PDB file of N, CA and C in Angstrom:
ATOM      1  N   MET A   1     -35.630  18.490 -20.764  1.00  0.00           N
ATOM      2  CA  MET A   1     -35.489  18.851 -22.167  1.00  0.00           C
ATOM      3  C   MET A   1     -37.069  19.764 -22.882  1.00  0.00           C
ATOM      4  N   SER A   2     -36.779  20.168 -23.266  1.00  0.00           N
ATOM      5  CA  SER A   2     -37.947  21.213 -24.451  1.00  0.00           C
ATOM      6  C   SER A   2     -38.711  20.018 -25.558  1.00  0.00           C
ATOM      7  N   ASN A   3     -39.917  20.384 -25.495  1.00  0.00           N
ATOM      8  CA  ASN A   3     -40.684  20.534 -26.785  1.00  0.00           C
ATOM      9  C   ASN A   3     -39.513  20.111 -28.261  1.00  0.00           C
ATOM     10  N   VAL A   4     -39.306  20.825 -28.506  1.00  0.00           N
ATOM     11  CA  VAL A   4     -38.454  21.367 -29.842  1.00  0.00           C
ATOM     12  C   VAL A   4     -37.239  20.041 -29.456  1.00  0.00           C
ATOM     13  N   GLU A   5     -36.495  20.624 -28.089  1.00  0.00           N
ATOM     14  CA  GLU A   5     -35.166  19.938 -28.541  1.00  0.00           C
ATOM     15  C   GLU A   5     -35.691  18.418 -28.248  1.00  0.00           C
ATOM     16  N   ASP A   6     -36.609  17.715 -27.816  1.00  0.00           N
ATOM     17  CA  ASP A   6     -37.109  16.680 -28.174  1.00  0.00           C
ATOM     18  C   ASP A   6     -37.303  16.015 -29.375  1.00  0.00           C
ATOM     19  N   PHE A   7     -37.987  17.067 -29.879  1.00  0.00           N
ATOM     20  CA  PHE A   7     -38.648  16.499 -31.673  1.00  0.00           C
ATOM     21  C   PHE A   7     -37.454  16.472 -31.986  1.00  0.00           C
ATOM     22  N   HIS A   8     -36.036  17.703 -32.089  1.00  0.00           N
ATOM     23  CA  HIS A   8     -35.410  17.614 -33.001  1.00  0.00           C
ATOM     24  C   HIS A   8     -34.563  16.130 -32.524  1.00  0.00           C
ATOM     25  N   LYS A   9     -34.412  15.623 -31.898  1.00  0.00           N
ATOM     26  CA  LYS A   9     -33.173  14.881 -31.108  1.00  0.00           C
ATOM     27  C   LYS A   9     -33.913  13.030 -31.907  1.00  0.00           C
ATOM     28  N   ARG A  10     -35.613  13.038 -31.037  1.00  0.00           N
ATOM     29  CA  ARG A  10     -36.100  12.111 -32.141  1.00  0.00           C
ATOM     30  C   ARG A  10     -36.006  11.985 -33.695  1.00  0.00           C
ATOM     31  N   ARG A  11     -36.219  13.234 -34.135  1.00  0.00           N
ATOM     32  CA  ARG A  11     -36.470  13.380 -35.804  1.00  0.00           C
ATOM     33  C   ARG A  11     -34.972  12.874 -35.950  1.00  0.00           C
ATOM     34  N   THR A  12     -33.490  13.200 -35.487  1.00  0.00           N
ATOM     35  CA  THR A  12     -32.584  13.151 -35.973  1.00  0.00           C
ATOM     36  C   THR A  12     -32.151  11.743 -35.753  1.00  0.00           C
ATOM     37  N   ALA A  13     -32.538  11.187 -34.804  1.00  0.00           N
ATOM     38  CA  ALA A  13     -32.331   9.506 -34.656  1.00  0.00           C
ATOM     39  C   ALA A  13     -33.219   8.737 -35.520  1.00  0.00           C
ATOM     40  N   GLY A  14     -34.435   9.280 -35.342  1.00  0.00           N
ATOM     41  CA  GLY A  14     -35.452   8.425 -36.495  1.00  0.00           C
ATOM     42  C   GLY A  14     -34.568   8.018 -38.070  1.00  0.00           C
ATOM     43  N   ASN A  15     -34.722   9.730 -37.663  1.00  0.00           N
ATOM     44  CA  ASN A  15     -34.069   9.858 -40.306  1.00  0.00           C
ATOM     45  C   ASN A  15     -33.169   9.213 -39.948  1.00  0.00           C
ATOM     46  N   GLU A  16     -31.739   8.878 -39.351  1.00  0.00           N
ATOM     47  CA  GLU A  16     -30.695   8.392 -39.264  1.00  0.00           C
ATOM     48  C   GLU A  16     -30.772   6.797 -39.631  1.00  0.00           C
ATOM     49  N   LYS A  17     -31.817   6.404 -38.206  1.00  0.00           N
ATOM     50  CA  LYS A  17     -32.498   4.822 -38.670  1.00  0.00           C
ATOM     51  C   LYS A  17     -32.883   4.598 -40.064  1.00  0.00           C
ATOM     52  N   ILE A  18     -34.010   5.230 -40.616  1.00  0.00           N
ATOM     53  CA  ILE A  18     -34.199   5.015 -41.825  1.00  0.00           C
ATOM     54  C   ILE A  18     -33.486   5.025 -42.912  1.00  0.00           C
ATOM     55  N   LEU A  19     -32.531   6.065 -43.297  1.00  0.00           N
ATOM     56  CA  LEU A  19     -31.593   6.093 -43.837  1.00  0.00           C
ATOM     57  C   LEU A  19     -30.455   5.204 -43.924  1.00  0.00           C
ATOM     58  N   LYS A  20     -29.832   4.706 -42.564  1.00  0.00           N
ATOM     59  CA  LYS A  20     -29.488   3.970 -42.804  1.00  0.00           C
ATOM     60  C   LYS A  20     -29.676   2.255 -43.216  1.00  0.00           C
ATOM     61  N   GLU A  21     -30.884   1.974 -43.589  1.00  0.00           N
ATOM     62  CA  GLU A  21     -31.347   0.654 -44.363  1.00  0.00           C
ATOM     63  C   GLU A  21     -30.712   1.038 -45.848  1.00  0.00           C
ATOM     64  N   ASP A  22     -30.527   2.019 -46.321  1.00  0.00           N
ATOM     65  CA  ASP A  22     -30.326   2.232 -47.710  1.00  0.00           C
ATOM     66  C   ASP A  22     -31.073   1.795 -48.789  1.00  0.00           C
ATOM     67  N   PHE A  23     -32.339   1.878 -48.219  1.00  0.00           N
ATOM     68  CA  PHE A  23     -33.503   1.381 -48.972  1.00  0.00           C
ATOM     69  C   PHE A  23     -33.657   2.484 -49.607  1.00  0.00           C
ATOM     70  N   LEU A  24     -34.281   2.002 -51.269  1.00  0.00           N
ATOM     71  CA  LEU A  24     -33.895   2.867 -52.523  1.00  0.00           C
ATOM     72  C   LEU A  24     -35.613   3.956 -51.994  1.00  0.00           C
ATOM     73  N   PRO A  25     -36.880   3.155 -52.067  1.00  0.00           N
ATOM     74  CA  PRO A  25     -37.828   3.725 -51.764  1.00  0.00           C
ATOM     75  C   PRO A  25     -37.742   4.663 -50.744  1.00  0.00           C
ATOM     76  N   PHE A  26     -37.269   4.881 -49.601  1.00  0.00           N
ATOM     77  CA  PHE A  26     -37.159   5.693 -48.176  1.00  0.00           C
ATOM     78  C   PHE A  26     -36.462   7.016 -48.673  1.00  0.00           C
ATOM     79  N   LYS A  27     -35.478   6.504 -49.408  1.00  0.00           N
ATOM     80  CA  LYS A  27     -34.680   7.619 -49.762  1.00  0.00           C
ATOM     81  C   LYS A  27     -35.523   8.417 -50.955  1.00  0.00           C
ATOM     82  N   ARG A  28     -35.970   7.590 -51.747  1.00  0.00           N
ATOM     83  CA  ARG A  28     -36.554   8.832 -53.088  1.00  0.00           C
ATOM     84  C   ARG A  28     -37.711   9.552 -52.405  1.00  0.00           C
ATOM     85  N   PHE A  29     -38.388   9.077 -51.513  1.00  0.00           N
ATOM     86  CA  PHE A  29     -39.795   9.561 -50.884  1.00  0.00           C
ATOM     87  C   PHE A  29     -39.152  10.957 -50.192  1.00  0.00           C
ATOM     88  N   TYR A  30     -37.920  10.644 -49.056  1.00  0.00           N
ATOM     89  CA  TYR A  30     -37.009  11.812 -48.873  1.00  0.00           C
ATOM     90  C   TYR A  30     -36.663  13.107 -49.797  1.00  0.00           C
ATOM     91  N   GLY A  31     -36.273  12.727 -50.604  1.00  0.00           N
ATOM     92  CA  GLY A  31     -35.835  13.423 -52.066  1.00  0.00           C
ATOM     93  C   GLY A  31     -37.114  14.213 -52.335  1.00  0.00           C
ATOM     94  N   LEU A  32     -38.330  13.496 -52.737  1.00  0.00           N
ATOM     95  CA  LEU A  32     -39.652  14.092 -53.048  1.00  0.00           C
ATOM     96  C   LEU A  32     -39.574  14.915 -51.897  1.00  0.00           C
ATOM     97  N   ASP A  33     -39.845  14.438 -50.636  1.00  0.00           N
ATOM     98  CA  ASP A  33     -40.364  15.589 -49.794  1.00  0.00           C
ATOM     99  C   ASP A  33     -39.439  17.290 -49.681  1.00  0.00           C
ATOM    100  N   LYS A  34     -37.803  16.990 -49.925  1.00  0.00           N
ATOM    101  CA  LYS A  34     -37.198  17.951 -50.161  1.00  0.00           C
ATOM    102  C   LYS A  34     -37.215  19.478 -51.127  1.00  0.00           C
ATOM    103  N   LEU A  35     -37.423  18.201 -52.423  1.00  0.00           N
ATOM    104  CA  LEU A  35     -38.233  18.681 -53.691  1.00  0.00           C
ATOM    105  C   LEU A  35     -39.256  19.506 -53.300  1.00  0.00           C
ATOM    106  N   ALA A  36     -40.136  19.256 -52.683  1.00  0.00           N
ATOM    107  CA  ALA A  36     -41.568  19.845 -52.802  1.00  0.00           C
ATOM    108  C   ALA A  36     -41.825  21.018 -52.158  1.00  0.00           C
ATOM    109  N   TYR A  37     -40.578  21.228 -50.831  1.00  0.00           N
ATOM    110  CA  TYR A  37     -40.764  22.558 -50.122  1.00  0.00           C
ATOM    111  C   TYR A  37     -39.714  23.206 -50.870  1.00  0.00           C
ATOM    112  N   GLN A  38     -38.948  23.618 -51.940  1.00  0.00           N
ATOM    113  CA  GLN A  38     -38.136  23.819 -52.182  1.00  0.00           C
ATOM    114  C   GLN A  38     -38.599  25.276 -53.035  1.00  0.00           C
ATOM    115  N   GLU A  39     -37.847  26.976 -53.769  1.00  0.00           N
ATOM    116  CA  GLU A  39     -38.830  27.738 -54.163  1.00  0.00           C
ATOM    117  C   GLU A  39     -38.774  27.351 -55.621  1.00  0.00           C
ATOM    118  N   SER A  40     -39.615  27.965 -55.781  1.00  0.00           N
ATOM    119  CA  SER A  40     -39.670  27.911 -57.061  1.00  0.00           C
ATOM    120  C   SER A  40     -41.911  28.647 -57.902  1.00  0.00           C
ATOM    121  N   GLU A  41     -42.389  27.837 -58.106  1.00  0.00           N
ATOM    122  CA  GLU A  41     -43.892  29.300 -58.112  1.00  0.00           C
ATOM    123  C   GLU A  41     -44.239  29.945 -57.554  1.00  0.00           C
ATOM    124  N   ILE A  42     -44.234  29.150 -55.865  1.00  0.00           N
ATOM    125  CA  ILE A  42     -45.172  29.104 -54.998  1.00  0.00           C
ATOM    126  C   ILE A  42     -43.723  29.216 -53.421  1.00  0.00           C
ATOM    127  N   SER A  43     -43.688  30.685 -52.945  1.00  0.00           N
ATOM    128  CA  SER A  43     -42.136  30.582 -52.378  1.00  0.00           C
ATOM    129  C   SER A  43     -42.278  29.554 -51.061  1.00  0.00           C
ATOM    130  N   GLY A  44     -41.078  29.127 -50.528  1.00  0.00           N
ATOM    131  CA  GLY A  44     -40.629  28.463 -49.601  1.00  0.00           C
ATOM    132  C   GLY A  44     -41.377  28.625 -48.078  1.00  0.00           C
ATOM    133  N   LYS A  45     -41.420  29.529 -47.804  1.00  0.00           N
ATOM    134  CA  LYS A  45     -42.522  30.013 -46.852  1.00  0.00           C
ATOM    135  C   LYS A  45     -44.018  29.736 -47.341  1.00  0.00           C
ATOM    136  N   TYR A  46     -44.779  29.737 -48.573  1.00  0.00           N
ATOM    137  CA  TYR A  46     -46.094  29.604 -48.379  1.00  0.00           C
ATOM    138  C   TYR A  46     -46.073  27.798 -47.964  1.00  0.00           C
ATOM    139  N   LYS A  47     -45.092  27.385 -48.576  1.00  0.00           N
ATOM    140  CA  LYS A  47     -45.134  25.697 -49.075  1.00  0.00           C
ATOM    141  C   LYS A  47     -44.862  25.422 -47.136  1.00  0.00           C
ATOM    142  N   GLU A  48     -44.395  26.223 -46.712  1.00  0.00           N
ATOM    143  CA  GLU A  48     -43.853  25.316 -45.222  1.00  0.00           C
ATOM    144  C   GLU A  48     -45.793  25.805 -44.386  1.00  0.00           C
ATOM    145  N   LEU A  49     -45.962  27.485 -44.491  1.00  0.00           N
ATOM    146  CA  LEU A  49     -47.517  26.867 -43.938  1.00  0.00           C
ATOM    147  C   LEU A  49     -48.689  26.368 -45.140  1.00  0.00           C
ATOM    148  N   MET A  50     -48.452  25.942 -45.760  1.00  0.00           N
ATOM    149  CA  MET A  50     -49.747  24.688 -46.190  1.00  0.00           C
ATOM    150  C   MET A  50     -49.292  23.719 -45.635  1.00  0.00           C
ATOM    151  N   GLY A  51     -47.597  23.897 -45.764  1.00  0.00           N
ATOM    152  CA  GLY A  51     -47.235  22.322 -44.734  1.00  0.00           C
ATOM    153  C   GLY A  51     -48.167  22.278 -43.402  1.00  0.00           C
ATOM    154  N   LEU A  52     -47.863  23.505 -42.368  1.00  0.00           N
ATOM    155  CA  LEU A  52     -48.272  23.716 -41.384  1.00  0.00           C
ATOM    156  C   LEU A  52     -49.982  23.030 -40.871  1.00  0.00           C
ATOM    157  N   VAL A  53     -50.458  23.340 -42.676  1.00  0.00           N
ATOM    158  CA  VAL A  53     -52.298  23.469 -42.029  1.00  0.00           C
ATOM    159  C   VAL A  53     -52.726  22.213 -42.569  1.00  0.00           C
ATOM    160  N   ALA A  54     -51.866  21.224 -43.095  1.00  0.00           N
ATOM    161  CA  ALA A  54     -52.010  19.840 -43.766  1.00  0.00           C
ATOM    162  C   ALA A  54     -51.081  18.873 -42.660  1.00  0.00           C
ATOM    163  N   SER A  55     -50.687  19.385 -41.949  1.00  0.00           N
ATOM    164  CA  SER A  55     -49.946  18.608 -40.441  1.00  0.00           C
ATOM    165  C   SER A  55     -50.920  18.932 -39.702  1.00  0.00           C
ATOM    166  N   MET A  56     -51.423  19.893 -39.231  1.00  0.00           N
ATOM    167  CA  MET A  56     -52.531  20.348 -38.085  1.00  0.00           C
ATOM    168  C   MET A  56     -53.859  19.403 -38.596  1.00  0.00           C
ATOM    169  N   ALA A  57     -53.838  19.085 -39.834  1.00  0.00           N
ATOM    170  CA  ALA A  57     -55.487  18.580 -40.152  1.00  0.00           C
ATOM    171  C   ALA A  57     -55.274  17.263 -40.022  1.00  0.00           C
ATOM    172  N   LEU A  58     -54.221  16.866 -40.558  1.00  0.00           N
ATOM    173  CA  LEU A  58     -53.979  15.242 -40.613  1.00  0.00           C
ATOM    174  C   LEU A  58     -53.471  14.749 -38.924  1.00  0.00           C
ATOM    175  N   ARG A  59     -53.341  15.983 -38.080  1.00  0.00           N
ATOM    176  CA  ARG A  59     -53.197  15.744 -36.604  1.00  0.00           C
ATOM    177  C   ARG A  59     -51.404  15.184 -36.136  1.00  0.00           C
ATOM    178  N   CYS A  60     -50.482  15.930 -36.985  1.00  0.00           N
ATOM    179  CA  CYS A  60     -49.149  15.141 -36.539  1.00  0.00           C
ATOM    180  C   CYS A  60     -48.496  15.949 -35.643  1.00  0.00           C
ATOM    181  N   ASN A  61     -48.011  15.693 -34.381  1.00  0.00           N
ATOM    182  CA  ASN A  61     -47.481  17.354 -33.615  1.00  0.00           C
ATOM    183  C   ASN A  61     -46.224  16.838 -34.105  1.00  0.00           C
ATOM    184  N   ASP A  62     -45.118  15.931 -34.717  1.00  0.00           N
ATOM    185  CA  ASP A  62     -43.849  16.345 -34.783  1.00  0.00           C
ATOM    186  C   ASP A  62     -43.954  16.886 -36.351  1.00  0.00           C
ATOM    187  N   CYS A  63     -44.716  16.831 -37.012  1.00  0.00           N
ATOM    188  CA  CYS A  63     -44.967  17.374 -38.159  1.00  0.00           C
ATOM    189  C   CYS A  63     -45.247  19.030 -38.244  1.00  0.00           C
ATOM    190  N   ILE A  64     -46.012  19.359 -37.292  1.00  0.00           N
ATOM    191  CA  ILE A  64     -46.661  20.517 -36.921  1.00  0.00           C
ATOM    192  C   ILE A  64     -45.210  21.141 -35.899  1.00  0.00           C
ATOM    193  N   SER A  65     -44.453  20.967 -35.404  1.00  0.00           N
ATOM    194  CA  SER A  65     -43.373  21.257 -34.811  1.00  0.00           C
ATOM    195  C   SER A  65     -42.085  21.736 -36.140  1.00  0.00           C
ATOM    196  N   TYR A  66     -41.943  20.896 -36.827  1.00  0.00           N
ATOM    197  CA  TYR A  66     -41.502  21.366 -37.713  1.00  0.00           C
ATOM    198  C   TYR A  66     -41.735  21.829 -38.537  1.00  0.00           C
ATOM    199  N   HIS A  67     -42.897  22.818 -39.116  1.00  0.00           N
ATOM    200  CA  HIS A  67     -43.506  23.250 -40.179  1.00  0.00           C
ATOM    201  C   HIS A  67     -43.593  24.175 -39.436  1.00  0.00           C
ATOM    202  N   ILE A  68     -44.119  24.467 -38.665  1.00  0.00           N
ATOM    203  CA  ILE A  68     -43.682  26.203 -37.685  1.00  0.00           C
ATOM    204  C   ILE A  68     -42.348  26.255 -37.756  1.00  0.00           C
ATOM    205  N   GLU A  69     -41.516  25.591 -37.116  1.00  0.00           N
ATOM    206  CA  GLU A  69     -40.206  26.116 -37.286  1.00  0.00           C
ATOM    207  C   GLU A  69     -39.636  26.306 -38.510  1.00  0.00           C
ATOM    208  N   GLN A  70     -39.794  26.175 -39.804  1.00  0.00           N
ATOM    209  CA  GLN A  70     -39.359  26.144 -41.297  1.00  0.00           C
ATOM    210  C   GLN A  70     -40.199  27.663 -41.325  1.00  0.00           C
ATOM    211  N   SER A  71     -41.221  27.453 -41.272  1.00  0.00           N
ATOM    212  CA  SER A  71     -41.971  28.391 -41.460  1.00  0.00           C
ATOM    213  C   SER A  71     -41.434  29.917 -41.188  1.00  0.00           C
ATOM    214  N   ILE A  72     -41.192  29.934 -39.509  1.00  0.00           N
ATOM    215  CA  ILE A  72     -41.119  31.113 -38.914  1.00  0.00           C
ATOM    216  C   ILE A  72     -39.393  31.419 -39.820  1.00  0.00           C
ATOM    217  N   GLU A  73     -38.417  30.042 -39.988  1.00  0.00           N
ATOM    218  CA  GLU A  73     -37.143  30.589 -40.573  1.00  0.00           C
ATOM    219  C   GLU A  73     -37.622  31.164 -41.811  1.00  0.00           C
ATOM    220  N   ALA A  74     -38.688  30.697 -42.450  1.00  0.00           N
ATOM    221  CA  ALA A  74     -38.504  31.030 -43.628  1.00  0.00           C
ATOM    222  C   ALA A  74     -39.542  32.760 -43.561  1.00  0.00           C
ATOM    223  N   GLY A  75     -39.440  32.968 -42.875  1.00  0.00           N
ATOM    224  CA  GLY A  75     -39.714  34.699 -42.922  1.00  0.00           C
ATOM    225  C   GLY A  75     -41.630  34.550 -42.280  1.00  0.00           C
ATOM    226  N   ALA A  76     -42.288  34.091 -41.803  1.00  0.00           N
ATOM    227  CA  ALA A  76     -43.244  33.423 -41.583  1.00  0.00           C
ATOM    228  C   ALA A  76     -43.981  34.324 -39.990  1.00  0.00           C
ATOM    229  N   THR A  77     -44.854  35.496 -40.240  1.00  0.00           N
ATOM    230  CA  THR A  77     -44.901  36.773 -39.118  1.00  0.00           C
ATOM    231  C   THR A  77     -46.042  35.836 -37.747  1.00  0.00           C
ATOM    232  N   ARG A  78     -46.412  35.926 -37.511  1.00  0.00           N
ATOM    233  CA  ARG A  78     -47.217  35.486 -36.205  1.00  0.00           C
ATOM    234  C   ARG A  78     -48.624  35.769 -36.491  1.00  0.00           C
ATOM    235  N   GLY A  79     -48.854  36.808 -37.372  1.00  0.00           N
ATOM    236  CA  GLY A  79     -50.587  36.522 -37.953  1.00  0.00           C
ATOM    237  C   GLY A  79     -50.192  35.371 -39.278  1.00  0.00           C
ATOM    238  N   GLU A  80     -49.412  35.681 -40.336  1.00  0.00           N
ATOM    239  CA  GLU A  80     -49.225  34.508 -40.724  1.00  0.00           C
ATOM    240  C   GLU A  80     -49.295  32.714 -40.458  1.00  0.00           C
ATOM    241  N   LEU A  81     -49.043  33.337 -39.355  1.00  0.00           N
ATOM    242  CA  LEU A  81     -49.153  31.674 -38.673  1.00  0.00           C
ATOM    243  C   LEU A  81     -50.690  31.091 -38.053  1.00  0.00           C
ATOM    244  N   ASN A  82     -50.647  32.283 -37.914  1.00  0.00           N
ATOM    245  CA  ASN A  82     -52.750  31.911 -37.020  1.00  0.00           C
ATOM    246  C   ASN A  82     -53.351  32.132 -38.183  1.00  0.00           C
ATOM    247  N   GLU A  83     -53.123  32.970 -39.376  1.00  0.00           N
ATOM    248  CA  GLU A  83     -54.036  31.931 -40.185  1.00  0.00           C
ATOM    249  C   GLU A  83     -53.798  30.815 -40.975  1.00  0.00           C
ATOM    250  N   ALA A  84     -52.699  30.452 -41.032  1.00  0.00           N
ATOM    251  CA  ALA A  84     -52.983  29.335 -41.535  1.00  0.00           C
ATOM    252  C   ALA A  84     -53.050  28.311 -40.755  1.00  0.00           C
ATOM    253  N   MET A  85     -53.166  27.992 -39.149  1.00  0.00           N
ATOM    254  CA  MET A  85     -53.760  27.184 -37.954  1.00  0.00           C
ATOM    255  C   MET A  85     -54.787  27.615 -38.096  1.00  0.00           C
ATOM    256  N   ASN A  86     -55.815  28.451 -38.312  1.00  0.00           N
ATOM    257  CA  ASN A  86     -57.227  29.230 -38.354  1.00  0.00           C
ATOM    258  C   ASN A  86     -57.193  28.238 -39.936  1.00  0.00           C
ATOM    259  N   ILE A  87     -56.488  28.244 -40.691  1.00  0.00           N
ATOM    260  CA  ILE A  87     -57.791  27.171 -41.389  1.00  0.00           C
ATOM    261  C   ILE A  87     -57.524  26.069 -41.355  1.00  0.00           C
ATOM    262  N   ALA A  88     -56.797  25.639 -40.957  1.00  0.00           N
ATOM    263  CA  ALA A  88     -55.931  23.877 -40.503  1.00  0.00           C
ATOM    264  C   ALA A  88     -57.914  24.375 -39.317  1.00  0.00           C
ATOM    265  N   LEU A  89     -57.808  24.476 -38.667  1.00  0.00           N
ATOM    266  CA  LEU A  89     -58.817  24.527 -37.782  1.00  0.00           C
ATOM    267  C   LEU A  89     -60.559  24.257 -37.925  1.00  0.00           C
ATOM    268  N   VAL A  90     -60.692  25.146 -39.146  1.00  0.00           N
ATOM    269  CA  VAL A  90     -61.604  24.947 -39.631  1.00  0.00           C
ATOM    270  C   VAL A  90     -61.740  24.184 -40.943  1.00  0.00           C
ATOM    271  N   VAL A  91     -61.144  23.532 -41.159  1.00  0.00           N
ATOM    272  CA  VAL A  91     -60.712  22.838 -42.185  1.00  0.00           C
ATOM    273  C   VAL A  91     -60.881  20.649 -41.442  1.00  0.00           C
ATOM    274  N   GLY A  92     -60.507  20.908 -40.447  1.00  0.00           N
ATOM    275  CA  GLY A  92     -59.871  19.778 -39.592  1.00  0.00           C
ATOM    276  C   GLY A  92     -61.011  19.608 -38.459  1.00  0.00           C
ATOM    277  N   GLY A  93     -61.862  21.010 -37.881  1.00  0.00           N
ATOM    278  CA  GLY A  93     -62.737  20.682 -36.519  1.00  0.00           C
ATOM    279  C   GLY A  93     -62.746  20.845 -35.390  1.00  0.00           C
ATOM    280  N   SER A  94     -62.600  21.020 -34.704  1.00  0.00           N
ATOM    281  CA  SER A  94     -62.605  20.665 -33.211  1.00  0.00           C
ATOM    282  C   SER A  94     -61.614  19.651 -32.839  1.00  0.00           C
ATOM    283  N   ILE A  95     -60.937  18.497 -33.483  1.00  0.00           N
ATOM    284  CA  ILE A  95     -60.310  17.276 -33.219  1.00  0.00           C
ATOM    285  C   ILE A  95     -59.266  18.416 -33.214  1.00  0.00           C
ATOM    286  N   VAL A  96     -58.358  19.528 -34.130  1.00  0.00           N
ATOM    287  CA  VAL A  96     -57.824  20.109 -34.275  1.00  0.00           C
ATOM    288  C   VAL A  96     -56.999  20.771 -32.929  1.00  0.00           C
ATOM    289  N   ILE A  97     -57.925  20.755 -32.036  1.00  0.00           N
ATOM    290  CA  ILE A  97     -57.483  21.718 -31.155  1.00  0.00           C
ATOM    291  C   ILE A  97     -56.627  20.824 -30.382  1.00  0.00           C
ATOM    292  N   PRO A  98     -56.345  20.358 -29.624  1.00  0.00           N
ATOM    293  CA  PRO A  98     -54.864  19.660 -28.559  1.00  0.00           C
ATOM    294  C   PRO A  98     -53.888  20.157 -29.884  1.00  0.00           C
ATOM    295  N   HIS A  99     -53.917  19.841 -31.469  1.00  0.00           N
ATOM    296  CA  HIS A  99     -52.610  20.215 -31.882  1.00  0.00           C
ATOM    297  C   HIS A  99     -52.742  21.737 -32.262  1.00  0.00           C
ATOM    298  N   LEU A 100     -53.403  23.069 -32.044  1.00  0.00           N
ATOM    299  CA  LEU A 100     -53.570  23.553 -32.116  1.00  0.00           C
ATOM    300  C   LEU A 100     -52.673  24.135 -30.663  1.00  0.00           C
ATOM    301  N   ARG A 101     -52.993  23.860 -29.617  1.00  0.00           N
ATOM    302  CA  ARG A 101     -52.555  24.042 -28.287  1.00  0.00           C
ATOM    303  C   ARG A 101     -51.086  23.484 -28.535  1.00  0.00           C
ATOM    304  N   HIS A 102     -51.069  22.391 -29.099  1.00  0.00           N
ATOM    305  CA  HIS A 102     -49.393  22.046 -29.461  1.00  0.00           C
ATOM    306  C   HIS A 102     -48.387  23.080 -29.831  1.00  0.00           C
ATOM    307  N   ALA A 103     -48.741  23.707 -30.963  1.00  0.00           N
ATOM    308  CA  ALA A 103     -48.562  24.617 -31.948  1.00  0.00           C
ATOM    309  C   ALA A 103     -48.057  25.862 -31.239  1.00  0.00           C
ATOM    310  N   PHE A 104     -49.342  26.204 -30.652  1.00  0.00           N
ATOM    311  CA  PHE A 104     -49.059  27.309 -29.253  1.00  0.00           C
ATOM    312  C   PHE A 104     -47.768  27.108 -28.430  1.00  0.00           C
ATOM    313  N   GLU A 105     -47.485  26.065 -27.957  1.00  0.00           N
ATOM    314  CA  GLU A 105     -46.913  25.580 -26.896  1.00  0.00           C
ATOM    315  C   GLU A 105     -45.111  25.822 -27.406  1.00  0.00           C
ATOM    316  N   VAL A 106     -44.897  24.971 -29.286  1.00  0.00           N
ATOM    317  CA  VAL A 106     -43.879  25.280 -30.130  1.00  0.00           C
ATOM    318  C   VAL A 106     -43.603  26.738 -30.280  1.00  0.00           C
ATOM    319  N   ILE A 107     -44.632  27.526 -30.372  1.00  0.00           N
ATOM    320  CA  ILE A 107     -44.547  28.626 -30.799  1.00  0.00           C
ATOM    321  C   ILE A 107     -43.195  29.622 -29.901  1.00  0.00           C
ATOM    322  N   GLU A 108     -44.108  29.119 -28.552  1.00  0.00           N
ATOM    323  CA  GLU A 108     -43.889  30.212 -27.202  1.00  0.00           C
ATOM    324  C   GLU A 108     -42.201  29.853 -26.947  1.00  0.00           C
ATOM    325  N   GLU A 109     -41.741  28.320 -26.984  1.00  0.00           N
ATOM    326  CA  GLU A 109     -40.853  27.755 -26.796  1.00  0.00           C
ATOM    327  C   GLU A 109     -39.832  28.226 -27.796  1.00  0.00           C
ATOM    328  N   LEU A 110     -40.207  28.389 -29.208  1.00  0.00           N
ATOM    329  CA  LEU A 110     -39.275  28.979 -30.220  1.00  0.00           C
ATOM    330  C   LEU A 110     -39.085  30.538 -29.933  1.00  0.00           C
ATOM    331  N   ASP A 111     -39.964  31.312 -29.546  1.00  0.00           N
ATOM    332  CA  ASP A 111     -39.939  33.328 -29.315  1.00  0.00           C
ATOM    333  C   ASP A 111     -39.029  32.807 -28.519  1.00  0.00           C
ATOM    334  N   LYS A 112     -39.082  32.264 -27.206  1.00  0.00           N
ATOM    335  CA  LYS A 112     -38.367  31.966 -26.042  1.00  0.00           C
ATOM    336  C   LYS A 112     -36.515  31.811 -26.168  1.00  0.00           C
ATOM    337  N   SER A 113     -36.557  30.809 -26.986  1.00  0.00           N
ATOM    338  CA  SER A 113     -35.183  30.660 -27.542  1.00  0.00           C
ATOM    339  C   SER A 113     -34.406  31.497 -28.259  1.00  0.00           C
ATOM    340  N   LYS A 114     -35.471  32.048 -28.678  1.00  0.00           N
ATOM    341  CA  LYS A 114     -34.436  33.900 -29.741  1.00  0.00           C
ATOM    342  C   LYS A 114     -34.583  35.079 -29.177  1.00  0.00           C
ATOM    343  N   ASN A 115     -35.173  34.662 -28.165  1.00  0.00           N
ATOM    344  CA  ASN A 115     -35.073  35.962 -27.454  1.00  0.00           C
ATOM    345  C   ASN A 115     -36.161  37.291 -27.416  1.00  0.00           C
ATOM    346  N   SER A 116     -37.223  37.007 -28.610  1.00  0.00           N
ATOM    347  CA  SER A 116     -37.916  37.860 -28.927  1.00  0.00           C
ATOM    348  C   SER A 116     -39.148  37.111 -29.119  1.00  0.00           C
ATOM    349  N   GLU A 117     -39.693  37.863 -29.557  1.00  0.00           N
ATOM    350  CA  GLU A 117     -41.377  37.515 -30.136  1.00  0.00           C
ATOM    351  C   GLU A 117     -41.958  37.637 -31.784  1.00  0.00           C
ATOM    352  N   LEU A 118     -42.783  37.107 -32.269  1.00  0.00           N
ATOM    353  CA  LEU A 118     -42.711  36.612 -33.471  1.00  0.00           C
ATOM    354  C   LEU A 118     -43.947  37.532 -33.827  1.00  0.00           C
ATOM    355  N   ILE A 119     -43.599  38.611 -34.881  1.00  0.00           N
ATOM    356  CA  ILE A 119     -44.582  40.002 -35.460  1.00  0.00           C
ATOM    357  C   ILE A 119     -45.950  39.464 -35.924  1.00  0.00           C
TER     358      ILE A 119
END
C-alpha cells in the first residue's frame, strides 16, 4: 500500500471513529476547519499552501500529505509547492528536513498515480 493510500485509509477510519462519538466540540472543530479553507478573500489554493507550511513547521506528516494533495487539486504547481515548503524549512529549521523528504515522497506518488508531472 502506498503512503497516500495508507494515509487515506487511516484518515477515513479515524475520522469515522471521532465523528461517531457525536460529541459537539469535535463536530464544531471539524466545521471550523472546513470553513477556514473555503474560498474567500484568499483563494483556497493559497490557504492550502499555508496549511502545508504550518503542517511542515509543526511536523505532522498526515497533515503534510493532506495539504499537498489539496494544494495540487486546487491548482498548485511544483514551483508553488517548493516555495511553500522552503518557507516551512526556513521557519522550522533543519528539524523539518525529514518532513520535507516525506513531502517529496507524497508528491512523487501523486505524480505517478496521475501519470503526469507537476509543472
